[in-house]
Amino acid sequence: MSIQDVIREQIDSHPVVLYMKGTPQFPQCGFSANAVNLLRACGVKDFFSVNVLADPAIRQGIKDFSNWPTIPQLYVRGQFIGGSDIMTEMYQKGELQKLLQELAAA
């Protein structure tokens, strides 16, 4: 199984996936901590996270998969949402809450 197949499987198998540096309990960068805090502020308590620092192939593979150069990266229902900056912008507009509330209602 290629790294792209592994990533596709992770994204397809979980409604909310966050590729991040560290873990939700111990983020290893401010952007990853912000992403976790935003998900929690939206009421998402349980999400699948992938620590890209634990696997260099995943760290590069997710950048290639999304064609997005930075970590963290959020996927909801298989769709790439963006990184910490986009999540923050969406949260400030109420869009992230709406997206994640729709997910909880589904």
Protein backbone atom coordinates (compact mmCIF):
# COMPACT_ATOMS: atom_id res chain seq x y z
CA MET A 1 0.00 0.00 0.00
CA SER A 2 1.47 3.37 -1.01
CA ILE A 3 1.56 6.32 1.38
CA GLN A 4 -1.09 8.00 -0.76
CA ASP A 5 -3.33 4.93 -0.30
CA VAL A 6 -2.77 5.07 3.47
CA ILE A 7 -3.72 8.75 3.54
CA ARG A 8 -6.80 8.17 1.37
CA GLU A 9 -7.88 5.33 3.69
CA GLN A 10 -7.47 7.56 6.78
CA ILE A 11 -9.47 10.38 5.23
CA ASP A 12 -12.20 8.08 3.93
CA SER A 13 -12.51 6.13 7.19
CA HIS A 14 -13.02 9.07 9.57
CA PRO A 15 -15.39 12.03 9.34
CA VAL A 16 -12.86 14.49 10.82
CA VAL A 17 -9.12 14.04 10.29
CA LEU A 18 -6.42 16.44 11.45
CA TYR A 19 -2.85 15.99 10.23
CA MET A 20 -0.81 17.83 12.81
CA LYS A 21 2.55 18.15 14.54
CA GLY A 22 2.20 16.27 17.81
CA THR A 23 -1.03 14.97 19.29
CA PRO A 24 -4.24 16.70 20.41
CA GLN A 25 -3.07 16.28 24.01
CA PHE A 26 0.47 17.54 23.27
CA PRO A 27 0.62 19.68 20.10
CA GLN A 28 4.18 20.35 18.96
CA CYS A 29 3.54 23.70 17.27
CA GLY A 30 1.29 26.67 17.81
CA PHE A 31 -0.60 26.16 14.55
CA SER A 32 -1.47 22.58 15.47
CA ALA A 33 -2.54 23.69 18.96
CA ASN A 34 -4.76 26.35 17.38
CA ALA A 35 -6.37 23.77 15.06
CA VAL A 36 -7.14 21.45 17.98
CA ASN A 37 -8.56 24.35 20.02
CA LEU A 38 -10.79 25.40 17.12
CA LEU A 39 -12.15 21.87 16.70
CA ARG A 40 -12.88 21.68 20.43
CA ALA A 41 -14.51 25.13 20.38
CA CYS A 42 -16.82 23.80 17.67
CA GLY A 43 -17.81 20.89 19.92
CA VAL A 44 -15.71 18.24 18.17
CA LYS A 45 -14.36 16.12 20.99
CA ASP A 46 -13.46 13.01 19.05
CA PHE A 47 -11.51 13.27 15.82
CA PHE A 48 -8.83 11.22 14.11
CA SER A 49 -5.42 12.85 14.31
CA VAL A 50 -2.17 11.92 12.63
CA ASN A 51 1.13 13.05 14.12
CA VAL A 52 3.21 13.85 11.04
CA LEU A 53 6.36 14.11 13.17
CA ALA A 54 6.16 10.37 13.85
CA ASP A 55 6.38 9.42 10.16
CA PRO A 56 8.37 11.43 7.57
CA ALA A 57 6.58 9.62 4.73
CA ILE A 58 3.20 10.83 6.02
CA ARG A 59 4.59 14.32 6.64
CA GLN A 60 5.62 14.70 3.01
CA GLY A 61 2.84 12.50 1.67
CA ILE A 62 0.04 14.66 3.03
CA LYS A 63 1.61 17.76 1.48
CA ASP A 64 1.72 15.98 -1.88
CA PHE A 65 -1.79 14.56 -1.42
CA SER A 66 -3.40 17.95 -0.80
CA ASN A 67 -0.97 20.05 -2.82
CA TRP A 68 -0.77 22.22 0.33
CA PRO A 69 2.68 22.99 1.77
CA THR A 70 1.94 23.36 5.48
CA ILE A 71 0.78 21.37 8.50
CA PRO A 72 -1.77 21.18 10.11
CA GLN A 73 -4.33 20.09 7.54
CA LEU A 74 -8.00 19.45 8.29
CA TYR A 75 -10.25 17.10 6.35
CA VAL A 76 -13.99 16.87 6.94
CA ARG A 77 -15.99 14.12 5.23
CA GLY A 78 -13.06 13.46 2.91
CA GLN A 79 -12.79 17.08 1.81
CA PHE A 80 -9.67 19.16 2.40
CA ILE A 81 -10.64 22.24 4.42
CA GLY A 82 -7.27 23.91 4.97
CA GLY A 83 -4.73 24.74 7.61
CA SER A 84 -4.80 26.70 10.84
CA ASP A 85 -5.17 30.09 9.14
CA ILE A 86 -8.14 28.99 7.03
CA MET A 87 -9.71 27.25 10.02
CA THR A 88 -9.36 30.48 12.06
CA GLU A 89 -10.90 32.56 9.30
CA MET A 90 -13.78 30.10 8.90
CA TYR A 91 -14.32 30.04 12.68
CA GLN A 92 -14.45 33.84 12.88
CA LYS A 93 -17.13 33.86 10.15
CA GLY A 94 -19.10 31.02 11.79
CA GLU A 95 -18.46 28.72 8.82
CA LEU A 96 -16.37 26.14 10.66
CA GLN A 97 -19.01 25.74 13.38
CA LYS A 98 -21.72 25.28 10.74
CA LEU A 99 -19.67 22.71 8.83
CA LEU A 100 -18.94 20.68 11.95
CA GLN A 101 -22.46 21.01 13.38
CA GLU A 102 -23.87 19.65 10.12
CA LEU A 103 -21.49 16.73 10.52
CA ALA A 104 -22.69 16.04 14.06
CA ALA A 105 -26.33 16.22 12.90
CA ALA A 106 -25.74 13.79 10.01
